[in-house]
Amino acid sequence: MKATQKDFAGQAQRAAQQCSVFFFCGPDEAAASAAAGRIAALLPDPGERVELSGVDLRKDPVLLGDEARSISLFGDSRHIWVRASGDEALDAVGNLLLGTGEACPVLIVATSATDKSRTAKLLEKRNDALVAMFYPPDLGDLTQSVRAMGDALGVRLNGELAQQIARSCGLDVRLAGSEIEKLALYLDASPARPIAATQDHLDDIAAKTEDDGFMPLVNAVLSGESNKLPAELRRMHELSLNPVGVLLAFERRATQLAQLAARIGTRGDINAAIDAEKRARRIFWKDVRDIDKQIRRWRGPRLDRLLNRLTELHRDLIENSQTAELLLAQGLAEIARAAAPRR
């Protein structure tokens, strides 16, 4: 069974009832993880969550089958959550499928894998497996998803508010879902008692939860605020933010700066260009100050070098998943030093 972000929502309920192995892949790791969480919530009896890494399964290909067919200490149900890179889990999945006896559900979130990966090909034609591929959403897609998530929790959002949430989360569906949950809690909303959210409500939530996402780290680094970097890196570690997901937020902001730089040109008016982008709603009002500071630091060849460095860093993270957090911290420190004002 195969799905994409366009039809996953419609297939999720049936897949959770019918399938025992789930492979979530594609460039949008945030959406893949969110989809895995959705399936876990829909399992008839999810029980205990057992986490394994792709590195562990590559070293010991029989581990997955053993864990999936073992009984928990108290005989309770369980499901297995695997975080892998590429085809790290291929042999382990093959052994799982060859085994006999009932196995608990296995959910695999595979970064840098696609529906063309060997693991996906192994599973896609099976009736007891789901392969779901996720591409990064555009603003329109995520805005619709935000409204749907709000409806499910009893938070009614108009298009403008939903778009604000999508923008402020850097098009990250997990962060958007987290914001909706906080908004529902703040409003004491529920499907049985839906409440229409307002701009004031959103501003209140933003003021209380501004530090929950990637953007404080993005802004500290790209604005050259090296003094803020240690605390932000510590927060990244404490929140277990995915290094690739964090880097994607940097790539999105760098792309936004490149687009803005192209509109400004060599002698254009930066202030006028930013005002125009704000009126066109391509820049969220809360981002204006940070983007103004960053576009003055990253122009021309410096911006080209930044884009190239982020691409190199992305490749390094994918190829070295075990040390990804350390590599990211080192790379971000280097970028922050380059952005810092000359004394």
C-alpha atoms as a PDB file:
ATOM      1  CA  MET A   1       0.000   0.000   0.000  1.00  0.00           C
ATOM      2  CA  LYS A   2       1.329   3.455  -0.909  1.00  0.00           C
ATOM      3  CA  ALA A   3       0.342   6.974   0.123  1.00  0.00           C
ATOM      4  CA  THR A   4       1.512  10.566  -0.203  1.00  0.00           C
ATOM      5  CA  GLN A   5       0.658  13.642   1.828  1.00  0.00           C
ATOM      6  CA  LYS A   6      -2.308  14.200  -0.505  1.00  0.00           C
ATOM      7  CA  ASP A   7      -4.093  10.959   0.349  1.00  0.00           C
ATOM      8  CA  PHE A   8      -2.485   9.861   3.616  1.00  0.00           C
ATOM      9  CA  ALA A   9      -5.227  11.342   5.799  1.00  0.00           C
ATOM     10  CA  GLY A  10      -7.851   9.377   3.902  1.00  0.00           C
ATOM     11  CA  GLN A  11      -5.915   6.107   4.148  1.00  0.00           C
ATOM     12  CA  ALA A  12      -4.577   6.403   7.696  1.00  0.00           C
ATOM     13  CA  GLN A  13      -7.525   4.825   9.518  1.00  0.00           C
ATOM     14  CA  ARG A  14      -7.669   1.801   7.219  1.00  0.00           C
ATOM     15  CA  ALA A  15      -3.888   1.393   7.219  1.00  0.00           C
ATOM     16  CA  ALA A  16      -3.714   1.450  11.022  1.00  0.00           C
ATOM     17  CA  GLN A  17      -6.264  -1.380  11.154  1.00  0.00           C
ATOM     18  CA  GLN A  18      -4.844  -3.429   8.279  1.00  0.00           C
ATOM     19  CA  CYS A  19      -1.056  -2.975   8.262  1.00  0.00           C
ATOM     20  CA  SER A  20       1.693  -4.081  10.613  1.00  0.00           C
ATOM     21  CA  VAL A  21       4.731  -2.402   9.004  1.00  0.00           C
ATOM     22  CA  PHE A  22       4.805   1.307   8.142  1.00  0.00           C
ATOM     23  CA  PHE A  23       7.594   3.093   6.246  1.00  0.00           C
ATOM     24  CA  PHE A  24       7.490   6.903   6.290  1.00  0.00           C
ATOM     25  CA  CYS A  25       9.953   8.643   3.984  1.00  0.00           C
ATOM     26  CA  GLY A  26      10.547  11.667   1.759  1.00  0.00           C
ATOM     27  CA  PRO A  27      12.247  15.064   1.975  1.00  0.00           C
ATOM     28  CA  ASP A  28       9.833  16.376   4.617  1.00  0.00           C
ATOM     29  CA  GLU A  29      11.000  14.566   7.743  1.00  0.00           C
ATOM     30  CA  ALA A  30       8.661  16.641   9.902  1.00  0.00           C
ATOM     31  CA  ALA A  31       5.582  15.477   7.980  1.00  0.00           C
ATOM     32  CA  ALA A  32       6.836  11.882   7.947  1.00  0.00           C
ATOM     33  CA  SER A  33       7.254  11.933  11.746  1.00  0.00           C
ATOM     34  CA  ALA A  34       3.850  13.549  12.200  1.00  0.00           C
ATOM     35  CA  ALA A  35       2.266  10.857  10.005  1.00  0.00           C
ATOM     36  CA  ALA A  36       3.934   8.140  12.067  1.00  0.00           C
ATOM     37  CA  GLY A  37       2.529   9.746  15.194  1.00  0.00           C
ATOM     38  CA  ARG A  38      -0.914   9.783  13.606  1.00  0.00           C
ATOM     39  CA  ILE A  39      -0.725   6.072  12.803  1.00  0.00           C
ATOM     40  CA  ALA A  40       0.483   5.268  16.319  1.00  0.00           C
ATOM     41  CA  ALA A  41      -2.537   7.097  17.734  1.00  0.00           C
ATOM     42  CA  LEU A  42      -4.874   5.147  15.441  1.00  0.00           C
ATOM     43  CA  LEU A  43      -3.518   1.683  16.256  1.00  0.00           C
ATOM     44  CA  PRO A  44      -6.217  -0.482  17.862  1.00  0.00           C
ATOM     45  CA  ASP A  45      -4.001  -1.183  20.891  1.00  0.00           C
ATOM     46  CA  PRO A  46      -0.690   0.727  20.608  1.00  0.00           C
ATOM     47  CA  GLY A  47       0.566  -0.087  24.087  1.00  0.00           C
ATOM     48  CA  GLU A  48       4.201   0.559  24.990  1.00  0.00           C
ATOM     49  CA  ARG A  49       6.437   2.379  22.507  1.00  0.00           C
ATOM     50  CA  VAL A  50       9.827   0.724  21.961  1.00  0.00           C
ATOM     51  CA  GLU A  51      12.364   2.901  20.141  1.00  0.00           C
ATOM     52  CA  LEU A  52      15.162   1.530  17.957  1.00  0.00           C
ATOM     53  CA  SER A  53      17.663   3.255  15.696  1.00  0.00           C
ATOM     54  CA  GLY A  54      18.567   2.419  12.133  1.00  0.00           C
ATOM     55  CA  VAL A  55      22.209   2.129  13.192  1.00  0.00           C
ATOM     56  CA  ASP A  56      21.294  -0.589  15.716  1.00  0.00           C
ATOM     57  CA  LEU A  57      19.309  -2.507  13.106  1.00  0.00           C
ATOM     58  CA  ARG A  58      22.072  -2.283  10.543  1.00  0.00           C
ATOM     59  CA  LYS A  59      24.490  -3.788  13.067  1.00  0.00           C
ATOM     60  CA  ASP A  60      22.008  -6.445  14.207  1.00  0.00           C
ATOM     61  CA  PRO A  61      19.450  -7.246  11.446  1.00  0.00           C
ATOM     62  CA  VAL A  62      17.606  -9.822  13.575  1.00  0.00           C
ATOM     63  CA  LEU A  63      16.936  -7.358  16.413  1.00  0.00           C
ATOM     64  CA  LEU A  64      13.784  -5.908  14.855  1.00  0.00           C
ATOM     65  CA  GLY A  65      12.109  -9.278  14.404  1.00  0.00           C
ATOM     66  CA  ASP A  66      13.079 -10.368  17.902  1.00  0.00           C
ATOM     67  CA  GLU A  67      11.690  -7.193  19.471  1.00  0.00           C
ATOM     68  CA  ALA A  68       8.513  -7.245  17.379  1.00  0.00           C
ATOM     69  CA  ARG A  69       7.704 -10.804  18.440  1.00  0.00           C
ATOM     70  CA  SER A  70       8.832 -10.601  22.052  1.00  0.00           C
ATOM     71  CA  ILE A  71       6.438 -10.080  24.947  1.00  0.00           C
ATOM     72  CA  SER A  72       6.812  -7.054  27.209  1.00  0.00           C
ATOM     73  CA  LEU A  73       7.711  -7.527  30.860  1.00  0.00           C
ATOM     74  CA  PHE A  74       4.066  -7.343  31.946  1.00  0.00           C
ATOM     75  CA  GLY A  75       2.589  -8.982  28.853  1.00  0.00           C
ATOM     76  CA  ASP A  76       1.170  -5.706  27.572  1.00  0.00           C
ATOM     77  CA  SER A  77       0.888  -4.703  23.926  1.00  0.00           C
ATOM     78  CA  ARG A  78       3.592  -2.625  22.262  1.00  0.00           C
ATOM     79  CA  HIS A  79       4.643  -1.006  19.018  1.00  0.00           C
ATOM     80  CA  ILE A  80       8.126  -0.311  17.691  1.00  0.00           C
ATOM     81  CA  TRP A  81       9.278   3.103  16.476  1.00  0.00           C
ATOM     82  CA  VAL A  82      12.417   3.126  14.323  1.00  0.00           C
ATOM     83  CA  ARG A  83      14.363   6.227  13.320  1.00  0.00           C
ATOM     84  CA  ALA A  84      16.573   5.354  10.378  1.00  0.00           C
ATOM     85  CA  SER A  85      18.467   6.968   7.541  1.00  0.00           C
ATOM     86  CA  GLY A  86      18.035   5.684   4.001  1.00  0.00           C
ATOM     87  CA  ASP A  87      17.967   1.878   3.830  1.00  0.00           C
ATOM     88  CA  GLU A  88      19.578   1.239   7.230  1.00  0.00           C
ATOM     89  CA  ALA A  89      16.611  -0.943   8.225  1.00  0.00           C
ATOM     90  CA  LEU A  90      16.386  -2.933   4.948  1.00  0.00           C
ATOM     91  CA  ASP A  91      17.847  -6.240   6.157  1.00  0.00           C
ATOM     92  CA  ALA A  92      16.038  -5.958   9.481  1.00  0.00           C
ATOM     93  CA  VAL A  93      12.693  -5.470   7.731  1.00  0.00           C
ATOM     94  CA  GLY A  94      13.438  -8.413   5.442  1.00  0.00           C
ATOM     95  CA  ASN A  95      14.101 -10.642   8.450  1.00  0.00           C
ATOM     96  CA  LEU A  96      10.956  -9.373  10.153  1.00  0.00           C
ATOM     97  CA  LEU A  97       8.840 -10.318   7.147  1.00  0.00           C
ATOM     98  CA  LEU A  98      10.417 -13.785   6.907  1.00  0.00           C
ATOM     99  CA  GLY A  99       9.743 -14.573  10.555  1.00  0.00           C
ATOM    100  CA  THR A 100       6.821 -16.574  11.887  1.00  0.00           C
ATOM    101  CA  GLY A 101       4.418 -15.710  14.645  1.00  0.00           C
ATOM    102  CA  GLU A 102       2.464 -12.571  15.368  1.00  0.00           C
ATOM    103  CA  ALA A 103       4.505  -9.352  15.444  1.00  0.00           C
ATOM    104  CA  CYS A 104       3.615  -5.999  16.931  1.00  0.00           C
ATOM    105  CA  PRO A 105       3.270  -2.941  14.632  1.00  0.00           C
ATOM    106  CA  VAL A 106       6.539  -1.453  13.379  1.00  0.00           C
ATOM    107  CA  LEU A 107       6.731   2.215  12.362  1.00  0.00           C
ATOM    108  CA  ILE A 108       9.863   3.352  10.518  1.00  0.00           C
ATOM    109  CA  VAL A 109      10.662   7.032   9.916  1.00  0.00           C
ATOM    110  CA  ALA A 110      13.478   7.075   7.373  1.00  0.00           C
ATOM    111  CA  THR A 111      15.236  10.337   6.593  1.00  0.00           C
ATOM    112  CA  SER A 112      16.974  10.642   3.208  1.00  0.00           C
ATOM    113  CA  ALA A 113      14.842   7.766   1.893  1.00  0.00           C
ATOM    114  CA  THR A 114      12.180   7.875  -0.822  1.00  0.00           C
ATOM    115  CA  ASP A 115       9.515   5.576  -2.203  1.00  0.00           C
ATOM    116  CA  LYS A 116      12.220   4.374  -4.627  1.00  0.00           C
ATOM    117  CA  SER A 117      14.409   3.115  -1.763  1.00  0.00           C
ATOM    118  CA  ARG A 118      14.903  -0.632  -1.499  1.00  0.00           C
ATOM    119  CA  THR A 119      13.007  -0.803   1.796  1.00  0.00           C
ATOM    120  CA  ALA A 120      10.032   0.951   0.202  1.00  0.00           C
ATOM    121  CA  LYS A 121      10.116  -1.384  -2.796  1.00  0.00           C
ATOM    122  CA  LEU A 122      10.176  -4.362  -0.434  1.00  0.00           C
ATOM    123  CA  LEU A 123       6.990  -3.183   1.266  1.00  0.00           C
ATOM    124  CA  GLU A 124       4.899  -1.227  -1.228  1.00  0.00           C
ATOM    125  CA  LYS A 125       3.030  -4.160  -2.824  1.00  0.00           C
ATOM    126  CA  ARG A 126       2.170  -5.869   0.446  1.00  0.00           C
ATOM    127  CA  ASN A 127      -1.346  -5.575   1.848  1.00  0.00           C
ATOM    128  CA  ASP A 128       0.033  -5.592   5.383  1.00  0.00           C
ATOM    129  CA  ALA A 129       2.429  -2.668   4.860  1.00  0.00           C
ATOM    130  CA  LEU A 130       2.196   1.049   4.141  1.00  0.00           C
ATOM    131  CA  VAL A 131       4.810   3.187   2.374  1.00  0.00           C
ATOM    132  CA  ALA A 132       4.082   6.905   2.770  1.00  0.00           C
ATOM    133  CA  MET A 133       6.116   9.575   0.957  1.00  0.00           C
ATOM    134  CA  PHE A 134       6.114  13.214   2.058  1.00  0.00           C
ATOM    135  CA  TYR A 135       7.354  16.293   0.203  1.00  0.00           C
ATOM    136  CA  PRO A 136       7.782  19.700   1.865  1.00  0.00           C
ATOM    137  CA  PRO A 137       4.425  21.496   1.747  1.00  0.00           C
ATOM    138  CA  ASP A 138       3.875  24.839   0.120  1.00  0.00           C
ATOM    139  CA  LEU A 139       2.184  27.610   2.068  1.00  0.00           C
ATOM    140  CA  GLY A 140      -1.255  26.848   0.641  1.00  0.00           C
ATOM    141  CA  ASP A 141      -1.080  23.150   1.507  1.00  0.00           C
ATOM    142  CA  LEU A 142       0.060  23.731   5.066  1.00  0.00           C
ATOM    143  CA  THR A 143      -2.534  26.471   5.561  1.00  0.00           C
ATOM    144  CA  GLN A 144      -5.251  23.957   4.686  1.00  0.00           C
ATOM    145  CA  SER A 145      -3.685  21.394   7.008  1.00  0.00           C
ATOM    146  CA  VAL A 146      -3.577  23.933   9.833  1.00  0.00           C
ATOM    147  CA  ARG A 147      -7.303  24.620   9.428  1.00  0.00           C
ATOM    148  CA  ALA A 148      -8.025  20.874   9.382  1.00  0.00           C
ATOM    149  CA  MET A 149      -5.962  20.331  12.541  1.00  0.00           C
ATOM    150  CA  GLY A 150      -7.821  23.200  14.169  1.00  0.00           C
ATOM    151  CA  ASP A 151     -11.216  21.736  13.235  1.00  0.00           C
ATOM    152  CA  ALA A 152     -10.204  18.390  14.745  1.00  0.00           C
ATOM    153  CA  LEU A 153      -9.450  20.090  18.075  1.00  0.00           C
ATOM    154  CA  GLY A 154     -12.382  22.491  18.057  1.00  0.00           C
ATOM    155  CA  VAL A 155     -10.351  25.576  17.050  1.00  0.00           C
ATOM    156  CA  ARG A 156     -11.958  27.456  14.176  1.00  0.00           C
ATOM    157  CA  LEU A 157      -9.403  29.374  12.120  1.00  0.00           C
ATOM    158  CA  ASN A 158      -9.992  31.683   9.205  1.00  0.00           C
ATOM    159  CA  GLY A 159      -7.611  31.530   6.259  1.00  0.00           C
ATOM    160  CA  GLU A 160      -5.492  34.476   7.374  1.00  0.00           C
ATOM    161  CA  LEU A 161      -4.854  33.123  10.863  1.00  0.00           C
ATOM    162  CA  ALA A 162      -4.112  29.637   9.535  1.00  0.00           C
ATOM    163  CA  GLN A 163      -1.600  31.116   7.096  1.00  0.00           C
ATOM    164  CA  GLN A 164       0.073  33.083   9.896  1.00  0.00           C
ATOM    165  CA  ILE A 165       0.560  29.881  11.879  1.00  0.00           C
ATOM    166  CA  ALA A 166       1.940  28.082   8.821  1.00  0.00           C
ATOM    167  CA  ARG A 167       4.414  30.893   8.124  1.00  0.00           C
ATOM    168  CA  SER A 168       5.527  31.312  11.728  1.00  0.00           C
ATOM    169  CA  CYS A 169       6.328  27.594  11.949  1.00  0.00           C
ATOM    170  CA  GLY A 170       8.569  27.685   8.879  1.00  0.00           C
ATOM    171  CA  LEU A 171       6.186  25.313   7.030  1.00  0.00           C
ATOM    172  CA  ASP A 172       6.941  22.602   9.614  1.00  0.00           C
ATOM    173  CA  VAL A 173       3.793  20.542  10.136  1.00  0.00           C
ATOM    174  CA  ARG A 174       4.883  19.276  13.585  1.00  0.00           C
ATOM    175  CA  LEU A 175       5.429  22.779  14.926  1.00  0.00           C
ATOM    176  CA  ALA A 176       2.136  23.882  13.381  1.00  0.00           C
ATOM    177  CA  GLY A 177       0.345  21.006  15.094  1.00  0.00           C
ATOM    178  CA  SER A 178       1.975  21.949  18.382  1.00  0.00           C
ATOM    179  CA  GLU A 179       0.777  25.544  18.002  1.00  0.00           C
ATOM    180  CA  ILE A 180      -2.789  24.354  17.332  1.00  0.00           C
ATOM    181  CA  GLU A 181      -2.705  22.151  20.433  1.00  0.00           C
ATOM    182  CA  LYS A 182      -1.536  25.094  22.550  1.00  0.00           C
ATOM    183  CA  LEU A 183      -4.232  27.300  21.068  1.00  0.00           C
ATOM    184  CA  ALA A 184      -6.911  24.678  21.821  1.00  0.00           C
ATOM    185  CA  LEU A 185      -5.662  24.384  25.404  1.00  0.00           C
ATOM    186  CA  TYR A 186      -5.557  28.176  25.800  1.00  0.00           C
ATOM    187  CA  LEU A 187      -9.132  28.526  24.483  1.00  0.00           C
ATOM    188  CA  ASP A 188     -10.381  25.403  26.301  1.00  0.00           C
ATOM    189  CA  ALA A 189     -11.811  24.370  22.945  1.00  0.00           C
ATOM    190  CA  SER A 190     -12.990  20.903  21.952  1.00  0.00           C
ATOM    191  CA  PRO A 191     -14.804  19.337  18.982  1.00  0.00           C
ATOM    192  CA  ALA A 192     -17.968  19.351  21.078  1.00  0.00           C
ATOM    193  CA  ARG A 193     -17.464  23.011  21.978  1.00  0.00           C
ATOM    194  CA  PRO A 194     -15.615  24.693  19.103  1.00  0.00           C
ATOM    195  CA  ILE A 195     -14.324  28.243  19.534  1.00  0.00           C
ATOM    196  CA  ALA A 196     -13.315  30.716  16.841  1.00  0.00           C
ATOM    197  CA  ALA A 197      -9.744  31.886  17.325  1.00  0.00           C
ATOM    198  CA  THR A 198      -8.869  35.569  16.877  1.00  0.00           C
ATOM    199  CA  GLN A 199      -5.694  37.529  16.209  1.00  0.00           C
ATOM    200  CA  ASP A 200      -5.541  38.459  19.898  1.00  0.00           C
ATOM    201  CA  HIS A 201      -5.619  34.791  20.880  1.00  0.00           C
ATOM    202  CA  LEU A 202      -2.840  34.016  18.421  1.00  0.00           C
ATOM    203  CA  ASP A 203      -0.741  36.928  19.686  1.00  0.00           C
ATOM    204  CA  ASP A 204      -1.156  35.710  23.274  1.00  0.00           C
ATOM    205  CA  ILE A 205      -0.039  32.214  22.349  1.00  0.00           C
ATOM    206  CA  ALA A 206       2.885  33.543  20.299  1.00  0.00           C
ATOM    207  CA  ALA A 207       4.056  35.649  23.221  1.00  0.00           C
ATOM    208  CA  LYS A 208       3.980  32.641  25.545  1.00  0.00           C
ATOM    209  CA  THR A 209       5.494  30.074  23.176  1.00  0.00           C
ATOM    210  CA  GLU A 210       7.859  32.017  20.943  1.00  0.00           C
ATOM    211  CA  ASP A 211      10.818  29.949  22.122  1.00  0.00           C
ATOM    212  CA  ASP A 212       9.268  26.575  21.254  1.00  0.00           C
ATOM    213  CA  GLY A 213      10.305  26.436  17.582  1.00  0.00           C
ATOM    214  CA  PHE A 214      13.391  26.646  15.433  1.00  0.00           C
ATOM    215  CA  MET A 215      13.343  30.371  14.723  1.00  0.00           C
ATOM    216  CA  PRO A 216      15.151  31.709  17.822  1.00  0.00           C
ATOM    217  CA  LEU A 217      18.130  29.541  16.859  1.00  0.00           C
ATOM    218  CA  VAL A 218      17.844  30.512  13.169  1.00  0.00           C
ATOM    219  CA  ASN A 219      17.756  34.203  14.021  1.00  0.00           C
ATOM    220  CA  ALA A 220      20.611  34.028  16.542  1.00  0.00           C
ATOM    221  CA  VAL A 221      22.912  32.367  13.997  1.00  0.00           C
ATOM    222  CA  LEU A 222      22.028  34.312  10.855  1.00  0.00           C
ATOM    223  CA  SER A 223      22.033  37.627  12.738  1.00  0.00           C
ATOM    224  CA  GLY A 224      25.511  36.926  14.101  1.00  0.00           C
ATOM    225  CA  GLU A 225      24.356  36.943  17.732  1.00  0.00           C
ATOM    226  CA  SER A 226      27.001  34.492  18.914  1.00  0.00           C
ATOM    227  CA  ASN A 227      26.322  35.288  22.575  1.00  0.00           C
ATOM    228  CA  LYS A 228      22.888  33.659  22.244  1.00  0.00           C
ATOM    229  CA  LEU A 229      24.159  30.541  20.504  1.00  0.00           C
ATOM    230  CA  PRO A 230      25.163  28.363  23.522  1.00  0.00           C
ATOM    231  CA  ALA A 231      21.725  28.701  25.125  1.00  0.00           C
ATOM    232  CA  GLU A 232      19.934  28.000  21.830  1.00  0.00           C
ATOM    233  CA  LEU A 233      22.063  24.928  21.120  1.00  0.00           C
ATOM    234  CA  ARG A 234      21.367  23.681  24.634  1.00  0.00           C
ATOM    235  CA  ARG A 235      17.625  24.191  24.052  1.00  0.00           C
ATOM    236  CA  MET A 236      17.884  22.296  20.746  1.00  0.00           C
ATOM    237  CA  HIS A 237      19.404  19.354  22.625  1.00  0.00           C
ATOM    238  CA  GLU A 238      16.920  19.472  25.510  1.00  0.00           C
ATOM    239  CA  LEU A 239      13.941  19.518  23.134  1.00  0.00           C
ATOM    240  CA  SER A 240      15.463  16.705  21.016  1.00  0.00           C
ATOM    241  CA  LEU A 241      14.955  18.758  17.876  1.00  0.00           C
ATOM    242  CA  ASN A 242      15.878  16.760  14.781  1.00  0.00           C
ATOM    243  CA  PRO A 243      19.146  18.177  13.349  1.00  0.00           C
ATOM    244  CA  VAL A 244      17.979  17.827   9.753  1.00  0.00           C
ATOM    245  CA  GLY A 245      14.678  19.509  10.606  1.00  0.00           C
ATOM    246  CA  VAL A 246      16.545  22.390  12.245  1.00  0.00           C
ATOM    247  CA  LEU A 247      18.799  22.760   9.211  1.00  0.00           C
ATOM    248  CA  LEU A 248      15.769  22.813   6.904  1.00  0.00           C
ATOM    249  CA  ALA A 249      14.543  25.871   8.809  1.00  0.00           C
ATOM    250  CA  PHE A 250      17.895  27.549   8.064  1.00  0.00           C
ATOM    251  CA  GLU A 251      17.626  26.575   4.399  1.00  0.00           C
ATOM    252  CA  ARG A 252      14.130  28.043   4.146  1.00  0.00           C
ATOM    253  CA  ARG A 253      15.266  31.353   5.696  1.00  0.00           C
ATOM    254  CA  ALA A 254      18.374  31.475   3.454  1.00  0.00           C
ATOM    255  CA  THR A 255      16.174  30.883   0.405  1.00  0.00           C
ATOM    256  CA  GLN A 256      13.889  33.680   1.579  1.00  0.00           C
ATOM    257  CA  LEU A 257      16.896  35.984   1.910  1.00  0.00           C
ATOM    258  CA  ALA A 258      18.091  35.025  -1.598  1.00  0.00           C
ATOM    259  CA  GLN A 259      14.679  35.830  -3.063  1.00  0.00           C
ATOM    260  CA  LEU A 260      14.613  39.156  -1.235  1.00  0.00           C
ATOM    261  CA  ALA A 261      18.167  39.969  -2.352  1.00  0.00           C
ATOM    262  CA  ALA A 262      17.194  39.303  -5.963  1.00  0.00           C
ATOM    263  CA  ARG A 263      14.277  41.746  -5.663  1.00  0.00           C
ATOM    264  CA  ILE A 264      16.501  44.398  -4.056  1.00  0.00           C
ATOM    265  CA  GLY A 265      19.290  44.144  -6.634  1.00  0.00           C
ATOM    266  CA  THR A 266      22.669  45.852  -6.179  1.00  0.00           C
ATOM    267  CA  ARG A 267      21.400  49.360  -5.450  1.00  0.00           C
ATOM    268  CA  GLY A 268      17.818  48.813  -4.340  1.00  0.00           C
ATOM    269  CA  ASP A 269      16.162  50.171  -1.211  1.00  0.00           C
ATOM    270  CA  ILE A 270      16.183  47.451   1.449  1.00  0.00           C
ATOM    271  CA  ASN A 271      13.512  49.080   3.605  1.00  0.00           C
ATOM    272  CA  ALA A 272      11.171  49.580   0.647  1.00  0.00           C
ATOM    273  CA  ALA A 273      11.705  45.998  -0.507  1.00  0.00           C
ATOM    274  CA  ILE A 274      10.925  44.576   2.934  1.00  0.00           C
ATOM    275  CA  ASP A 275       7.799  46.740   3.209  1.00  0.00           C
ATOM    276  CA  ALA A 276       6.651  45.459  -0.177  1.00  0.00           C
ATOM    277  CA  GLU A 277       7.263  41.839   0.890  1.00  0.00           C
ATOM    278  CA  LYS A 278       5.328  42.446   4.096  1.00  0.00           C
ATOM    279  CA  ARG A 279       2.364  43.931   2.195  1.00  0.00           C
ATOM    280  CA  ALA A 280       2.438  40.943  -0.157  1.00  0.00           C
ATOM    281  CA  ARG A 281       2.439  38.687   2.944  1.00  0.00           C
ATOM    282  CA  ARG A 282       5.668  37.003   1.915  1.00  0.00           C
ATOM    283  CA  ILE A 283       7.220  38.198   5.184  1.00  0.00           C
ATOM    284  CA  PHE A 284       5.388  37.708   8.480  1.00  0.00           C
ATOM    285  CA  TRP A 285       5.280  40.897  10.564  1.00  0.00           C
ATOM    286  CA  LYS A 286       7.145  39.289  13.485  1.00  0.00           C
ATOM    287  CA  ASP A 287      10.050  38.399  11.171  1.00  0.00           C
ATOM    288  CA  VAL A 288      10.619  41.894   9.773  1.00  0.00           C
ATOM    289  CA  ARG A 289      13.270  43.003  12.286  1.00  0.00           C
ATOM    290  CA  ASP A 290      15.283  39.786  11.984  1.00  0.00           C
ATOM    291  CA  ILE A 291      15.104  39.658   8.199  1.00  0.00           C
ATOM    292  CA  ASP A 292      16.124  43.322   7.960  1.00  0.00           C
ATOM    293  CA  LYS A 293      19.214  42.579  10.045  1.00  0.00           C
ATOM    294  CA  GLN A 294      20.042  39.383   8.157  1.00  0.00           C
ATOM    295  CA  ILE A 295      19.670  40.747   4.608  1.00  0.00           C
ATOM    296  CA  ARG A 296      22.191  43.465   5.484  1.00  0.00           C
ATOM    297  CA  ARG A 297      24.677  40.793   6.562  1.00  0.00           C
ATOM    298  CA  TRP A 298      24.074  38.266   3.789  1.00  0.00           C
ATOM    299  CA  ARG A 299      24.290  39.790   0.318  1.00  0.00           C
ATOM    300  CA  GLY A 300      26.040  38.907  -2.928  1.00  0.00           C
ATOM    301  CA  PRO A 301      28.962  36.444  -2.629  1.00  0.00           C
ATOM    302  CA  ARG A 302      28.466  36.091   1.150  1.00  0.00           C
ATOM    303  CA  LEU A 303      24.909  34.884   0.594  1.00  0.00           C
ATOM    304  CA  ASP A 304      26.093  32.469  -2.104  1.00  0.00           C
ATOM    305  CA  ARG A 305      28.659  31.051   0.321  1.00  0.00           C
ATOM    306  CA  LEU A 306      25.975  30.676   2.988  1.00  0.00           C
ATOM    307  CA  LEU A 307      23.714  28.705   0.642  1.00  0.00           C
ATOM    308  CA  ASN A 308      26.614  26.474  -0.391  1.00  0.00           C
ATOM    309  CA  ARG A 309      27.636  25.899   3.236  1.00  0.00           C
ATOM    310  CA  LEU A 310      24.104  24.901   4.220  1.00  0.00           C
ATOM    311  CA  THR A 311      23.989  22.429   1.330  1.00  0.00           C
ATOM    312  CA  GLU A 312      27.312  20.905   2.424  1.00  0.00           C
ATOM    313  CA  LEU A 313      26.151  20.746   6.024  1.00  0.00           C
ATOM    314  CA  HIS A 314      22.903  19.016   4.997  1.00  0.00           C
ATOM    315  CA  ARG A 315      24.885  16.354   3.162  1.00  0.00           C
ATOM    316  CA  ASP A 316      27.170  15.882   6.169  1.00  0.00           C
ATOM    317  CA  LEU A 317      24.211  15.383   8.510  1.00  0.00           C
ATOM    318  CA  ILE A 318      22.641  12.766   6.248  1.00  0.00           C
ATOM    319  CA  GLU A 319      25.913  10.861   5.854  1.00  0.00           C
ATOM    320  CA  ASN A 320      26.788  10.988   9.568  1.00  0.00           C
ATOM    321  CA  SER A 321      23.489  10.541  11.385  1.00  0.00           C
ATOM    322  CA  GLN A 322      25.100   9.399  14.661  1.00  0.00           C
ATOM    323  CA  THR A 323      27.052  12.643  15.062  1.00  0.00           C
ATOM    324  CA  ALA A 324      24.522  14.903  13.318  1.00  0.00           C
ATOM    325  CA  GLU A 325      23.802  17.088  16.348  1.00  0.00           C
ATOM    326  CA  LEU A 326      27.508  17.762  16.949  1.00  0.00           C
ATOM    327  CA  LEU A 327      28.162  18.498  13.268  1.00  0.00           C
ATOM    328  CA  LEU A 328      25.193  20.867  13.188  1.00  0.00           C
ATOM    329  CA  ALA A 329      26.366  22.729  16.303  1.00  0.00           C
ATOM    330  CA  GLN A 330      29.846  23.162  14.817  1.00  0.00           C
ATOM    331  CA  GLY A 331      28.475  24.338  11.470  1.00  0.00           C
ATOM    332  CA  LEU A 332      26.095  26.823  13.065  1.00  0.00           C
ATOM    333  CA  ALA A 333      28.852  28.254  15.246  1.00  0.00           C
ATOM    334  CA  GLU A 334      30.930  28.809  12.109  1.00  0.00           C
ATOM    335  CA  ILE A 335      28.040  30.584  10.348  1.00  0.00           C
ATOM    336  CA  ALA A 336      27.306  32.740  13.411  1.00  0.00           C
ATOM    337  CA  ARG A 337      30.934  33.891  13.514  1.00  0.00           C
ATOM    338  CA  ALA A 338      30.775  34.802   9.829  1.00  0.00           C
ATOM    339  CA  ALA A 339      27.589  36.809  10.422  1.00  0.00           C
ATOM    340  CA  ALA A 340      28.875  38.650  13.497  1.00  0.00           C
ATOM    341  CA  PRO A 341      29.553  42.386  13.003  1.00  0.00           C
ATOM    342  CA  ARG A 342      33.209  43.268  12.452  1.00  0.00           C
ATOM    343  CA  ARG A 343      34.776  45.001  15.449  1.00  0.00           C
END
